[in-house]
PDB file of N, CA and C in Angstrom:
ATOM      1  N   MET A   1      26.533  12.975 -62.344  1.00  0.00           N
ATOM      2  CA  MET A   1      27.553  12.540 -61.208  1.00  0.00           C
ATOM      3  C   MET A   1      26.432  11.656 -60.710  1.00  0.00           C
ATOM      4  N   SER A   2      27.171  10.416 -60.168  1.00  0.00           N
ATOM      5  CA  SER A   2      26.325   9.167 -59.786  1.00  0.00           C
ATOM      6  C   SER A   2      26.102   9.239 -58.127  1.00  0.00           C
ATOM      7  N   HIS A   3      25.085   8.681 -57.911  1.00  0.00           N
ATOM      8  CA  HIS A   3      24.406   9.118 -56.349  1.00  0.00           C
ATOM      9  C   HIS A   3      26.121   8.265 -55.524  1.00  0.00           C
ATOM     10  N   TRP A   4      26.637   7.680 -55.587  1.00  0.00           N
ATOM     11  CA  TRP A   4      27.640   7.238 -55.106  1.00  0.00           C
ATOM     12  C   TRP A   4      29.056   7.831 -54.746  1.00  0.00           C
ATOM     13  N   GLY A   5      29.522   9.031 -56.007  1.00  0.00           N
ATOM     14  CA  GLY A   5      30.601   9.604 -56.199  1.00  0.00           C
ATOM     15  C   GLY A   5      30.096  10.937 -55.350  1.00  0.00           C
ATOM     16  N   MET A   6      28.895  11.230 -54.876  1.00  0.00           N
ATOM     17  CA  MET A   6      28.750  12.148 -54.082  1.00  0.00           C
ATOM     18  C   MET A   6      29.159  12.134 -52.662  1.00  0.00           C
ATOM     19  N   LYS A   7      29.982  13.385 -52.021  1.00  0.00           N
ATOM     20  CA  LYS A   7      30.191  12.817 -50.356  1.00  0.00           C
ATOM     21  C   LYS A   7      29.115  13.270 -49.500  1.00  0.00           C
ATOM     22  N   HIS A   8      28.981  12.404 -49.089  1.00  0.00           N
ATOM     23  CA  HIS A   8      27.511  12.762 -47.775  1.00  0.00           C
ATOM     24  C   HIS A   8      28.267  12.736 -46.556  1.00  0.00           C
ATOM     25  N   SER A   9      28.031  13.775 -45.762  1.00  0.00           N
ATOM     26  CA  SER A   9      28.668  13.664 -44.203  1.00  0.00           C
ATOM     27  C   SER A   9      27.474  13.016 -43.434  1.00  0.00           C
ATOM     28  N   HIS A  10      27.279  11.546 -43.394  1.00  0.00           N
ATOM     29  CA  HIS A  10      25.994  11.408 -42.522  1.00  0.00           C
ATOM     30  C   HIS A  10      26.459  11.119 -41.066  1.00  0.00           C
ATOM     31  N   ARG A  11      25.851  11.675 -40.210  1.00  0.00           N
ATOM     32  CA  ARG A  11      26.004  11.769 -38.986  1.00  0.00           C
ATOM     33  C   ARG A  11      25.883   9.978 -38.479  1.00  0.00           C
ATOM     34  N   SER A  12      26.783   9.422 -37.923  1.00  0.00           N
ATOM     35  CA  SER A  12      25.979   8.274 -37.122  1.00  0.00           C
ATOM     36  C   SER A  12      24.980   8.229 -36.177  1.00  0.00           C
ATOM     37  N   THR A  13      23.989   7.620 -36.248  1.00  0.00           N
ATOM     38  CA  THR A  13      23.021   7.825 -35.424  1.00  0.00           C
ATOM     39  C   THR A  13      23.276   6.455 -34.370  1.00  0.00           C
ATOM     40  N   GLN A  14      22.905   7.040 -33.288  1.00  0.00           N
ATOM     41  CA  GLN A  14      23.596   6.297 -31.657  1.00  0.00           C
ATOM     42  C   GLN A  14      21.869   5.602 -31.816  1.00  0.00           C
ATOM     43  N   ARG A  15      21.559   4.415 -30.820  1.00  0.00           N
ATOM     44  CA  ARG A  15      20.428   3.797 -30.677  1.00  0.00           C
ATOM     45  C   ARG A  15      20.611   3.489 -29.247  1.00  0.00           C
ATOM     46  N   GLY A  16      19.573   3.635 -28.490  1.00  0.00           N
ATOM     47  CA  GLY A  16      19.982   2.776 -27.081  1.00  0.00           C
ATOM     48  C   GLY A  16      19.930   4.502 -26.245  1.00  0.00           C
ATOM     49  N   ILE A  17      20.224   4.089 -24.780  1.00  0.00           N
ATOM     50  CA  ILE A  17      20.166   5.015 -23.758  1.00  0.00           C
ATOM     51  C   ILE A  17      21.196   5.712 -23.376  1.00  0.00           C
ATOM     52  N   SER A  18      21.419   6.666 -23.398  1.00  0.00           N
ATOM     53  CA  SER A  18      22.727   7.727 -23.149  1.00  0.00           C
ATOM     54  C   SER A  18      23.231   7.089 -21.401  1.00  0.00           C
ATOM     55  N   PHE A  19      24.248   7.902 -21.145  1.00  0.00           N
ATOM     56  CA  PHE A  19      24.770   7.565 -19.675  1.00  0.00           C
ATOM     57  C   PHE A  19      23.950   8.329 -18.901  1.00  0.00           C
ATOM     58  N   LEU A  20      23.413   9.575 -19.189  1.00  0.00           N
ATOM     59  CA  LEU A  20      23.053  10.512 -18.189  1.00  0.00           C
ATOM     60  C   LEU A  20      21.377   9.933 -18.709  1.00  0.00           C
ATOM     61  N   GLY A  21      20.565   9.312 -19.193  1.00  0.00           N
ATOM     62  CA  GLY A  21      19.628   8.581 -19.131  1.00  0.00           C
ATOM     63  C   GLY A  21      19.444   7.618 -18.333  1.00  0.00           C
ATOM     64  N   LEU A  22      20.601   7.039 -18.288  1.00  0.00           N
ATOM     65  CA  LEU A  22      20.598   5.413 -17.496  1.00  0.00           C
ATOM     66  C   LEU A  22      20.747   5.887 -16.041  1.00  0.00           C
ATOM     67  N   LEU A  23      21.534   7.043 -15.772  1.00  0.00           N
ATOM     68  CA  LEU A  23      21.753   7.446 -14.531  1.00  0.00           C
ATOM     69  C   LEU A  23      20.489   7.974 -13.792  1.00  0.00           C
ATOM     70  N   VAL A  24      19.544   8.912 -14.813  1.00  0.00           N
ATOM     71  CA  VAL A  24      18.407   9.225 -14.513  1.00  0.00           C
ATOM     72  C   VAL A  24      17.314   8.144 -13.753  1.00  0.00           C
ATOM     73  N   LEU A  25      17.553   7.034 -14.878  1.00  0.00           N
ATOM     74  CA  LEU A  25      16.327   5.820 -15.002  1.00  0.00           C
ATOM     75  C   LEU A  25      16.901   4.874 -13.797  1.00  0.00           C
ATOM     76  N   GLY A  26      18.237   4.925 -13.409  1.00  0.00           N
ATOM     77  CA  GLY A  26      18.324   4.586 -11.981  1.00  0.00           C
ATOM     78  C   GLY A  26      18.161   5.203 -10.491  1.00  0.00           C
ATOM     79  N   VAL A  27      17.970   6.186 -10.731  1.00  0.00           N
ATOM     80  CA  VAL A  27      17.500   7.225  -9.691  1.00  0.00           C
ATOM     81  C   VAL A  27      16.407   6.837  -9.627  1.00  0.00           C
ATOM     82  N   VAL A  28      15.381   7.093 -10.371  1.00  0.00           N
ATOM     83  CA  VAL A  28      13.909   6.802 -10.151  1.00  0.00           C
ATOM     84  C   VAL A  28      13.586   5.351  -9.681  1.00  0.00           C
ATOM     85  N   LEU A  29      14.134   4.292 -10.369  1.00  0.00           N
ATOM     86  CA  LEU A  29      13.931   3.131  -9.854  1.00  0.00           C
ATOM     87  C   LEU A  29      14.571   2.767  -8.510  1.00  0.00           C
ATOM     88  N   ALA A  30      15.604   3.656  -8.015  1.00  0.00           N
ATOM     89  CA  ALA A  30      16.101   3.513  -6.622  1.00  0.00           C
ATOM     90  C   ALA A  30      15.121   4.227  -5.838  1.00  0.00           C
ATOM     91  N   LEU A  31      14.238   5.545  -6.006  1.00  0.00           N
ATOM     92  CA  LEU A  31      13.343   5.837  -5.368  1.00  0.00           C
ATOM     93  C   LEU A  31      11.882   4.989  -5.134  1.00  0.00           C
ATOM     94  N   LEU A  32      12.064   4.677  -6.651  1.00  0.00           N
ATOM     95  CA  LEU A  32      10.374   3.665  -6.257  1.00  0.00           C
ATOM     96  C   LEU A  32      10.744   2.453  -5.391  1.00  0.00           C
ATOM     97  N   VAL A  33      11.786   2.103  -5.746  1.00  0.00           N
ATOM     98  CA  VAL A  33      11.935   0.887  -4.554  1.00  0.00           C
ATOM     99  C   VAL A  33      12.190   1.169  -3.197  1.00  0.00           C
ATOM    100  N   ILE A  34      12.562   2.334  -2.817  1.00  0.00           N
ATOM    101  CA  ILE A  34      12.553   3.053  -1.253  1.00  0.00           C
ATOM    102  C   ILE A  34      11.067   3.132  -0.974  1.00  0.00           C
ATOM    103  N   VAL A  35      10.426   3.662  -1.562  1.00  0.00           N
ATOM    104  CA  VAL A  35       8.936   4.109  -1.369  1.00  0.00           C
ATOM    105  C   VAL A  35       8.376   2.690  -1.370  1.00  0.00           C
ATOM    106  N   GLY A  36       8.523   1.917  -2.115  1.00  0.00           N
ATOM    107  CA  GLY A  36       7.818   0.758  -2.032  1.00  0.00           C
ATOM    108  C   GLY A  36       8.210   0.004  -0.852  1.00  0.00           C
ATOM    109  N   ALA A  37       9.708  -0.037  -0.416  1.00  0.00           N
ATOM    110  CA  ALA A  37       9.741  -0.830   0.505  1.00  0.00           C
ATOM    111  C   ALA A  37       9.089  -0.071   1.734  1.00  0.00           C
ATOM    112  N   ARG A  38       8.561   1.177   1.499  1.00  0.00           N
ATOM    113  CA  ARG A  38       7.912   1.300   3.251  1.00  0.00           C
ATOM    114  C   ARG A  38       6.646   1.678   3.123  1.00  0.00           C
ATOM    115  N   VAL A  39       6.041   1.183   1.558  1.00  0.00           N
ATOM    116  CA  VAL A  39       4.816   1.097   1.605  1.00  0.00           C
ATOM    117  C   VAL A  39       4.708  -0.132   2.055  1.00  0.00           C
ATOM    118  N   VAL A  40       5.166  -1.544   1.387  1.00  0.00           N
ATOM    119  CA  VAL A  40       4.120  -2.680   1.787  1.00  0.00           C
ATOM    120  C   VAL A  40       4.626  -3.015   2.982  1.00  0.00           C
ATOM    121  N   PRO A  41       5.405  -2.790   4.117  1.00  0.00           N
ATOM    122  CA  PRO A  41       4.647  -3.236   5.452  1.00  0.00           C
ATOM    123  C   PRO A  41       2.878  -2.477   5.591  1.00  0.00           C
ATOM    124  N   THR A  42       2.872  -1.529   5.566  1.00  0.00           N
ATOM    125  CA  THR A  42       1.419  -1.121   6.048  1.00  0.00           C
ATOM    126  C   THR A  42       0.421  -1.657   4.995  1.00  0.00           C
ATOM    127  N   VAL A  43       0.610  -2.185   3.774  1.00  0.00           N
ATOM    128  CA  VAL A  43      -0.239  -2.854   3.067  1.00  0.00           C
ATOM    129  C   VAL A  43      -0.191  -4.256   3.780  1.00  0.00           C
ATOM    130  N   THR A  44       0.844  -5.209   4.378  1.00  0.00           N
ATOM    131  CA  THR A  44       0.313  -6.150   5.024  1.00  0.00           C
ATOM    132  C   THR A  44      -0.127  -6.094   6.404  1.00  0.00           C
ATOM    133  N   GLU A  45       0.093  -4.963   6.944  1.00  0.00           N
ATOM    134  CA  GLU A  45      -0.623  -4.846   8.270  1.00  0.00           C
ATOM    135  C   GLU A  45      -2.182  -4.784   7.835  1.00  0.00           C
ATOM    136  N   TYR A  46      -2.370  -3.886   6.987  1.00  0.00           N
ATOM    137  CA  TYR A  46      -3.968  -3.583   6.590  1.00  0.00           C
ATOM    138  C   TYR A  46      -4.340  -4.926   6.040  1.00  0.00           C
ATOM    139  N   MET A  47      -3.674  -5.831   5.731  1.00  0.00           N
ATOM    140  CA  MET A  47      -4.325  -7.432   5.130  1.00  0.00           C
ATOM    141  C   MET A  47      -4.833  -8.121   6.473  1.00  0.00           C
ATOM    142  N   SER A  48      -3.620  -7.796   7.402  1.00  0.00           N
ATOM    143  CA  SER A  48      -3.689  -8.494   8.651  1.00  0.00           C
ATOM    144  C   SER A  48      -5.066  -7.786   9.631  1.00  0.00           C
ATOM    145  N   ILE A  49      -5.457  -6.405   9.540  1.00  0.00           N
ATOM    146  CA  ILE A  49      -6.453  -5.893  10.008  1.00  0.00           C
ATOM    147  C   ILE A  49      -7.690  -6.209   9.452  1.00  0.00           C
ATOM    148  N   GLN A  50      -8.016  -6.493   8.008  1.00  0.00           N
ATOM    149  CA  GLN A  50      -9.316  -6.830   7.175  1.00  0.00           C
ATOM    150  C   GLN A  50      -9.505  -8.516   8.024  1.00  0.00           C
ATOM    151  N   LYS A  51      -8.173  -9.424   7.933  1.00  0.00           N
ATOM    152  CA  LYS A  51      -8.393 -10.658   8.211  1.00  0.00           C
ATOM    153  C   LYS A  51      -9.036 -10.837   9.751  1.00  0.00           C
ATOM    154  N   ALA A  52      -8.359  -9.949  10.528  1.00  0.00           N
ATOM    155  CA  ALA A  52      -8.811  -9.965  11.912  1.00  0.00           C
ATOM    156  C   ALA A  52     -10.433  -9.528  12.134  1.00  0.00           C
ATOM    157  N   ALA A  53     -10.640  -8.074  11.012  1.00  0.00           N
ATOM    158  CA  ALA A  53     -12.016  -7.846  11.226  1.00  0.00           C
ATOM    159  C   ALA A  53     -12.835  -8.866  10.800  1.00  0.00           C
ATOM    160  N   LYS A  54     -12.901  -9.659   9.786  1.00  0.00           N
ATOM    161  CA  LYS A  54     -13.621 -10.648   9.319  1.00  0.00           C
ATOM    162  C   LYS A  54     -13.853 -12.044  10.619  1.00  0.00           C
ATOM    163  N   LYS A  55     -12.690 -12.031  11.216  1.00  0.00           N
ATOM    164  CA  LYS A  55     -12.715 -13.340  12.005  1.00  0.00           C
ATOM    165  C   LYS A  55     -13.354 -12.797  13.474  1.00  0.00           C
ATOM    166  N   ALA A  56     -13.105 -11.703  13.826  1.00  0.00           N
ATOM    167  CA  ALA A  56     -13.839 -10.803  15.002  1.00  0.00           C
ATOM    168  C   ALA A  56     -15.354 -10.541  14.635  1.00  0.00           C
ATOM    169  N   ALA A  57     -15.879 -10.216  13.431  1.00  0.00           N
ATOM    170  CA  ALA A  57     -17.245 -10.268  13.121  1.00  0.00           C
ATOM    171  C   ALA A  57     -17.889 -11.960  13.012  1.00  0.00           C
ATOM    172  N   ALA A  58     -16.838 -12.967  12.952  1.00  0.00           N
ATOM    173  CA  ALA A  58     -17.646 -14.070  12.544  1.00  0.00           C
ATOM    174  C   ALA A  58     -17.405 -14.707  14.155  1.00  0.00           C
ATOM    175  N   ASP A  59     -16.935 -14.625  15.115  1.00  0.00           N
ATOM    176  CA  ASP A  59     -16.782 -15.053  16.276  1.00  0.00           C
ATOM    177  C   ASP A  59     -17.487 -14.046  17.121  1.00  0.00           C
ATOM    178  N   GLY A  60     -17.899 -12.985  17.338  1.00  0.00           N
ATOM    179  CA  GLY A  60     -18.677 -12.418  18.222  1.00  0.00           C
ATOM    180  C   GLY A  60     -20.188 -11.892  17.695  1.00  0.00           C
ATOM    181  N   ASP A  61     -21.470 -11.772  18.614  1.00  0.00           N
ATOM    182  CA  ASP A  61     -22.679 -11.616  18.029  1.00  0.00           C
ATOM    183  C   ASP A  61     -22.738 -10.159  19.221  1.00  0.00           C
ATOM    184  N   THR A  62     -21.655  -9.776  19.964  1.00  0.00           N
ATOM    185  CA  THR A  62     -21.860  -8.273  20.813  1.00  0.00           C
ATOM    186  C   THR A  62     -21.026  -7.543  20.453  1.00  0.00           C
ATOM    187  N   VAL A  63     -21.019  -6.590  20.585  1.00  0.00           N
ATOM    188  CA  VAL A  63     -20.129  -5.160  20.190  1.00  0.00           C
ATOM    189  C   VAL A  63     -18.828  -5.844  21.267  1.00  0.00           C
ATOM    190  N   ALA A  64     -18.943  -5.722  22.493  1.00  0.00           N
ATOM    191  CA  ALA A  64     -18.019  -6.560  23.336  1.00  0.00           C
ATOM    192  C   ALA A  64     -17.308  -7.980  22.811  1.00  0.00           C
ATOM    193  N   ALA A  65     -18.266  -8.672  22.213  1.00  0.00           N
ATOM    194  CA  ALA A  65     -17.510 -10.208  22.027  1.00  0.00           C
ATOM    195  C   ALA A  65     -16.353  -9.742  20.770  1.00  0.00           C
ATOM    196  N   VAL A  66     -17.008  -8.991  19.802  1.00  0.00           N
ATOM    197  CA  VAL A  66     -16.355  -8.570  18.610  1.00  0.00           C
ATOM    198  C   VAL A  66     -14.853  -7.748  19.034  1.00  0.00           C
ATOM    199  N   ARG A  67     -14.897  -6.923  19.548  1.00  0.00           N
ATOM    200  CA  ARG A  67     -13.787  -5.998  20.146  1.00  0.00           C
ATOM    201  C   ARG A  67     -12.521  -7.048  21.147  1.00  0.00           C
ATOM    202  N   THR A  68     -13.215  -7.868  21.657  1.00  0.00           N
ATOM    203  CA  THR A  68     -12.638  -8.660  22.364  1.00  0.00           C
ATOM    204  C   THR A  68     -11.624  -9.706  21.613  1.00  0.00           C
ATOM    205  N   SER A  69     -12.371 -10.590  20.384  1.00  0.00           N
ATOM    206  CA  SER A  69     -11.771 -10.908  19.332  1.00  0.00           C
ATOM    207  C   SER A  69     -10.973 -10.338  18.480  1.00  0.00           C
ATOM    208  N   PHE A  70     -11.229  -9.221  18.173  1.00  0.00           N
ATOM    209  CA  PHE A  70     -10.256  -8.219  17.553  1.00  0.00           C
ATOM    210  C   PHE A  70      -9.050  -7.868  18.238  1.00  0.00           C
ATOM    211  N   GLY A  71      -8.926  -7.610  19.506  1.00  0.00           N
ATOM    212  CA  GLY A  71      -8.176  -7.258  20.558  1.00  0.00           C
ATOM    213  C   GLY A  71      -7.006  -8.550  20.467  1.00  0.00           C
ATOM    214  N   ARG A  72      -7.289  -9.816  20.578  1.00  0.00           N
ATOM    215  CA  ARG A  72      -6.711 -10.783  20.511  1.00  0.00           C
ATOM    216  C   ARG A  72      -5.909 -10.769  19.014  1.00  0.00           C
ATOM    217  N   SER A  73      -6.410 -10.367  17.850  1.00  0.00           N
ATOM    218  CA  SER A  73      -5.974 -10.832  17.155  1.00  0.00           C
ATOM    219  C   SER A  73      -4.927  -9.794  16.729  1.00  0.00           C
ATOM    220  N   THR A  74      -4.789  -8.390  17.506  1.00  0.00           N
ATOM    221  CA  THR A  74      -3.910  -7.519  17.311  1.00  0.00           C
ATOM    222  C   THR A  74      -2.856  -7.864  18.108  1.00  0.00           C
ATOM    223  N   GLU A  75      -2.747  -8.441  18.965  1.00  0.00           N
ATOM    224  CA  GLU A  75      -1.596  -8.938  19.883  1.00  0.00           C
ATOM    225  C   GLU A  75      -0.639 -10.001  19.031  1.00  0.00           C
ATOM    226  N   VAL A  76      -1.574 -10.907  18.608  1.00  0.00           N
ATOM    227  CA  VAL A  76      -0.751 -11.956  17.911  1.00  0.00           C
ATOM    228  C   VAL A  76      -0.356 -11.228  16.484  1.00  0.00           C
ATOM    229  N   ASP A  77      -1.209 -10.576  15.633  1.00  0.00           N
ATOM    230  CA  ASP A  77      -0.798 -10.274  14.499  1.00  0.00           C
ATOM    231  C   ASP A  77       0.078  -9.101  14.609  1.00  0.00           C
ATOM    232  N   TYR A  78       0.455  -8.549  15.458  1.00  0.00           N
ATOM    233  CA  TYR A  78       1.329  -7.359  15.470  1.00  0.00           C
ATOM    234  C   TYR A  78       1.063  -5.894  15.192  1.00  0.00           C
ATOM    235  N   ILE A  79      -0.564  -6.030  15.281  1.00  0.00           N
ATOM    236  CA  ILE A  79      -1.320  -4.940  14.512  1.00  0.00           C
ATOM    237  C   ILE A  79      -1.182  -4.068  15.614  1.00  0.00           C
ATOM    238  N   SER A  80      -0.682  -2.449  14.799  1.00  0.00           N
ATOM    239  CA  SER A  80      -0.402  -1.557  15.795  1.00  0.00           C
ATOM    240  C   SER A  80      -0.990   0.065  15.367  1.00  0.00           C
ATOM    241  N   SER A  81      -1.564  -0.037  14.251  1.00  0.00           N
ATOM    242  CA  SER A  81      -2.276   1.045  13.695  1.00  0.00           C
ATOM    243  C   SER A  81      -3.874   1.146  14.120  1.00  0.00           C
ATOM    244  N   ILE A  82      -4.137   0.304  14.502  1.00  0.00           N
ATOM    245  CA  ILE A  82      -5.444   0.547  15.077  1.00  0.00           C
ATOM    246  C   ILE A  82      -5.919  -0.600  16.240  1.00  0.00           C
ATOM    247  N   ASN A  83      -6.927  -0.038  17.403  1.00  0.00           N
ATOM    248  CA  ASN A  83      -7.217  -0.960  18.073  1.00  0.00           C
ATOM    249  C   ASN A  83      -8.580  -1.277  18.216  1.00  0.00           C
ATOM    250  N   ALA A  84      -9.335  -1.970  18.708  1.00  0.00           N
ATOM    251  CA  ALA A  84     -10.794  -2.649  19.237  1.00  0.00           C
ATOM    252  C   ALA A  84     -11.090  -1.340  19.375  1.00  0.00           C
ATOM    253  N   ASN A  85     -10.993  -0.620  20.029  1.00  0.00           N
ATOM    254  CA  ASN A  85     -11.843   0.448  20.450  1.00  0.00           C
ATOM    255  C   ASN A  85     -12.152   2.082  18.748  1.00  0.00           C
ATOM    256  N   ASP A  86     -11.517   1.248  17.684  1.00  0.00           N
ATOM    257  CA  ASP A  86     -11.640   2.157  16.608  1.00  0.00           C
ATOM    258  C   ASP A  86     -12.447   1.533  15.589  1.00  0.00           C
ATOM    259  N   LEU A  87     -12.788   0.455  16.161  1.00  0.00           N
ATOM    260  CA  LEU A  87     -13.890  -0.101  15.319  1.00  0.00           C
ATOM    261  C   LEU A  87     -15.104   0.181  15.325  1.00  0.00           C
ATOM    262  N   GLU A  88     -16.022   0.007  14.116  1.00  0.00           N
ATOM    263  CA  GLU A  88     -17.559   0.420  14.236  1.00  0.00           C
ATOM    264  C   GLU A  88     -18.263  -0.609  13.908  1.00  0.00           C
ATOM    265  N   VAL A  89     -18.826  -1.137  14.950  1.00  0.00           N
ATOM    266  CA  VAL A  89     -19.582  -2.656  14.942  1.00  0.00           C
ATOM    267  C   VAL A  89     -20.915  -2.353  14.725  1.00  0.00           C
ATOM    268  N   THR A  90     -21.501  -2.861  13.672  1.00  0.00           N
ATOM    269  CA  THR A  90     -23.046  -2.896  13.407  1.00  0.00           C
ATOM    270  C   THR A  90     -23.404  -4.093  13.199  1.00  0.00           C
ATOM    271  N   LYS A  91     -25.109  -4.489  12.906  1.00  0.00           N
ATOM    272  CA  LYS A  91     -25.258  -5.263  12.552  1.00  0.00           C
ATOM    273  C   LYS A  91     -26.729  -5.060  11.209  1.00  0.00           C
ATOM    274  N   GLU A  92     -26.155  -5.871  10.325  1.00  0.00           N
ATOM    275  CA  GLU A  92     -27.313  -5.973   9.429  1.00  0.00           C
ATOM    276  C   GLU A  92     -28.002  -6.787   9.020  1.00  0.00           C
ATOM    277  N   GLY A  93     -28.645  -6.703   9.197  1.00  0.00           N
ATOM    278  CA  GLY A  93     -30.108  -8.102   9.132  1.00  0.00           C
ATOM    279  C   GLY A  93     -29.459  -8.912  10.478  1.00  0.00           C
ATOM    280  N   ASP A  94     -29.035 -10.350  10.293  1.00  0.00           N
ATOM    281  CA  ASP A  94     -28.595 -10.852  11.404  1.00  0.00           C
ATOM    282  C   ASP A  94     -27.080 -11.023  11.491  1.00  0.00           C
ATOM    283  N   LYS A  95     -26.577 -10.509  10.324  1.00  0.00           N
ATOM    284  CA  LYS A  95     -24.950 -10.527  10.312  1.00  0.00           C
ATOM    285  C   LYS A  95     -24.145  -9.125  10.885  1.00  0.00           C
ATOM    286  N   VAL A  96     -22.926  -9.601  11.605  1.00  0.00           N
ATOM    287  CA  VAL A  96     -22.916  -8.710  12.386  1.00  0.00           C
ATOM    288  C   VAL A  96     -21.194  -8.092  11.242  1.00  0.00           C
ATOM    289  N   VAL A  97     -20.992  -6.645  11.324  1.00  0.00           N
ATOM    290  CA  VAL A  97     -20.468  -6.030  10.417  1.00  0.00           C
ATOM    291  C   VAL A  97     -19.156  -5.270  11.106  1.00  0.00           C
ATOM    292  N   VAL A  98     -18.094  -5.735  10.814  1.00  0.00           N
ATOM    293  CA  VAL A  98     -17.059  -4.732  11.525  1.00  0.00           C
ATOM    294  C   VAL A  98     -16.493  -3.702  10.456  1.00  0.00           C
ATOM    295  N   ARG A  99     -16.458  -2.473  10.781  1.00  0.00           N
ATOM    296  CA  ARG A  99     -15.907  -1.347   9.774  1.00  0.00           C
ATOM    297  C   ARG A  99     -14.765  -0.842  10.404  1.00  0.00           C
ATOM    298  N   PHE A 100     -13.919  -0.343   9.666  1.00  0.00           N
ATOM    299  CA  PHE A 100     -12.634   0.135  10.423  1.00  0.00           C
ATOM    300  C   PHE A 100     -12.014   1.302   9.343  1.00  0.00           C
ATOM    301  N   ALA A 101     -11.069   2.451   9.719  1.00  0.00           N
ATOM    302  CA  ALA A 101     -10.426   3.325   8.669  1.00  0.00           C
ATOM    303  C   ALA A 101      -9.510   3.614   9.678  1.00  0.00           C
ATOM    304  N   TYR A 102      -8.506   4.103   8.780  1.00  0.00           N
ATOM    305  CA  TYR A 102      -7.404   4.669   9.440  1.00  0.00           C
ATOM    306  C   TYR A 102      -6.418   5.165   8.557  1.00  0.00           C
ATOM    307  N   ASP A 103      -5.894   6.235   8.648  1.00  0.00           N
ATOM    308  CA  ASP A 103      -4.542   6.845   7.771  1.00  0.00           C
ATOM    309  C   ASP A 103      -2.903   6.416   8.173  1.00  0.00           C
ATOM    310  N   LYS A 104      -2.293   6.301   7.322  1.00  0.00           N
ATOM    311  CA  LYS A 104      -0.855   5.761   7.323  1.00  0.00           C
ATOM    312  C   LYS A 104      -0.163   6.950   6.951  1.00  0.00           C
ATOM    313  N   GLU A 105       0.907   7.594   8.028  1.00  0.00           N
ATOM    314  CA  GLU A 105       1.676   8.820   6.992  1.00  0.00           C
ATOM    315  C   GLU A 105       3.152   7.864   6.725  1.00  0.00           C
ATOM    316  N   ILE A 106       3.636   7.875   5.683  1.00  0.00           N
ATOM    317  CA  ILE A 106       4.707   7.344   5.571  1.00  0.00           C
ATOM    318  C   ILE A 106       6.023   8.636   5.152  1.00  0.00           C
ATOM    319  N   PRO A 107       6.839   8.774   6.025  1.00  0.00           N
ATOM    320  CA  PRO A 107       7.582  10.178   5.877  1.00  0.00           C
ATOM    321  C   PRO A 107       8.573   9.441   4.764  1.00  0.00           C
ATOM    322  N   LEU A 108       8.669  10.326   3.170  1.00  0.00           N
ATOM    323  CA  LEU A 108       9.660  10.093   2.155  1.00  0.00           C
ATOM    324  C   LEU A 108      11.320  10.881   2.838  1.00  0.00           C
ATOM    325  N   PHE A 109      10.800  12.159   2.552  1.00  0.00           N
ATOM    326  CA  PHE A 109      12.374  12.698   2.872  1.00  0.00           C
ATOM    327  C   PHE A 109      11.522  14.202   3.465  1.00  0.00           C
ATOM    328  N   GLY A 110      12.898  14.846   4.096  1.00  0.00           N
ATOM    329  CA  GLY A 110      12.417  16.280   4.777  1.00  0.00           C
ATOM    330  C   GLY A 110      11.055  16.276   5.029  1.00  0.00           C
ATOM    331  N   PRO A 111      10.194  17.399   4.813  1.00  0.00           N
ATOM    332  CA  PRO A 111       8.934  17.524   5.196  1.00  0.00           C
ATOM    333  C   PRO A 111       7.979  16.721   3.938  1.00  0.00           C
ATOM    334  N   ALA A 112       8.447  16.061   3.042  1.00  0.00           N
ATOM    335  CA  ALA A 112       7.095  14.925   2.101  1.00  0.00           C
ATOM    336  C   ALA A 112       6.903  13.801   2.992  1.00  0.00           C
ATOM    337  N   TYR A 113       5.517  13.518   2.612  1.00  0.00           N
ATOM    338  CA  TYR A 113       4.934  12.449   3.283  1.00  0.00           C
ATOM    339  C   TYR A 113       3.954  11.842   2.502  1.00  0.00           C
ATOM    340  N   LEU A 114       4.171  10.947   2.303  1.00  0.00           N
ATOM    341  CA  LEU A 114       2.969   9.822   1.507  1.00  0.00           C
ATOM    342  C   LEU A 114       1.787   9.463   2.710  1.00  0.00           C
ATOM    343  N   LEU A 115       0.374   9.643   2.078  1.00  0.00           N
ATOM    344  CA  LEU A 115      -0.597   9.660   3.130  1.00  0.00           C
ATOM    345  C   LEU A 115      -1.358   8.584   2.150  1.00  0.00           C
ATOM    346  N   ILE A 116      -1.189   7.632   3.079  1.00  0.00           N
ATOM    347  CA  ILE A 116      -2.505   6.455   2.529  1.00  0.00           C
ATOM    348  C   ILE A 116      -3.590   6.269   3.640  1.00  0.00           C
ATOM    349  N   LYS A 117      -4.655   6.390   3.234  1.00  0.00           N
ATOM    350  CA  LYS A 117      -6.213   6.104   3.545  1.00  0.00           C
ATOM    351  C   LYS A 117      -6.496   4.725   3.441  1.00  0.00           C
ATOM    352  N   TYR A 118      -6.506   3.946   4.388  1.00  0.00           N
ATOM    353  CA  TYR A 118      -7.105   2.754   4.161  1.00  0.00           C
ATOM    354  C   TYR A 118      -8.375   2.526   5.328  1.00  0.00           C
ATOM    355  N   ARG A 119      -9.205   1.885   4.188  1.00  0.00           N
ATOM    356  CA  ARG A 119     -10.864   1.629   4.809  1.00  0.00           C
ATOM    357  C   ARG A 119     -11.246  -0.132   4.594  1.00  0.00           C
ATOM    358  N   GLY A 120     -11.822  -0.628   5.440  1.00  0.00           N
ATOM    359  CA  GLY A 120     -12.420  -1.685   5.491  1.00  0.00           C
ATOM    360  C   GLY A 120     -13.565  -2.159   6.403  1.00  0.00           C
ATOM    361  N   SER A 121     -13.834  -3.141   5.574  1.00  0.00           N
ATOM    362  CA  SER A 121     -14.819  -3.834   6.738  1.00  0.00           C
ATOM    363  C   SER A 121     -15.053  -5.653   6.290  1.00  0.00           C
ATOM    364  N   SER A 122     -15.611  -6.013   7.520  1.00  0.00           N
ATOM    365  CA  SER A 122     -15.305  -7.351   7.583  1.00  0.00           C
ATOM    366  C   SER A 122     -16.323  -8.194   6.297  1.00  0.00           C
ATOM    367  N   SER A 123     -17.413  -7.065   5.652  1.00  0.00           N
ATOM    368  CA  SER A 123     -18.124  -7.766   4.379  1.00  0.00           C
ATOM    369  C   SER A 123     -17.644  -7.965   3.159  1.00  0.00           C
ATOM    370  N   GLY A 124     -16.096  -6.767   3.013  1.00  0.00           N
ATOM    371  CA  GLY A 124     -15.805  -6.877   1.743  1.00  0.00           C
ATOM    372  C   GLY A 124     -15.993  -5.695   1.290  1.00  0.00           C
ATOM    373  N   ASN A 125     -16.872  -4.756   1.738  1.00  0.00           N
ATOM    374  CA  ASN A 125     -16.961  -3.644   0.666  1.00  0.00           C
ATOM    375  C   ASN A 125     -16.185  -2.341   1.029  1.00  0.00           C
TER     376      ASN A 125
END
């Protein structure tokens, strides 16, 4: 008997993603978009704080002058997570260094939160 004469019941193999797989992928992508939409504003604020800290370090040579400069920047750039009193102002050699640290809690759903710990300094470290 030849190979062609035999009856084979071949299952047709499907390639691609099933409807259920597509649904799960859609839900995962939607959750990532939601979390991303809540994280992006905090990252933008962090970058504003970093810029304000560098400007304050360049503008001031005393702690009071640095805090005043940073305070002006917080009003202009709508910075609300940190204020001038939260800064650590030190001098390294002849250079003023401004450091800051703060935590941001982002509510996800129910009792679940995403905690982001932001740290930075005017020296970039």
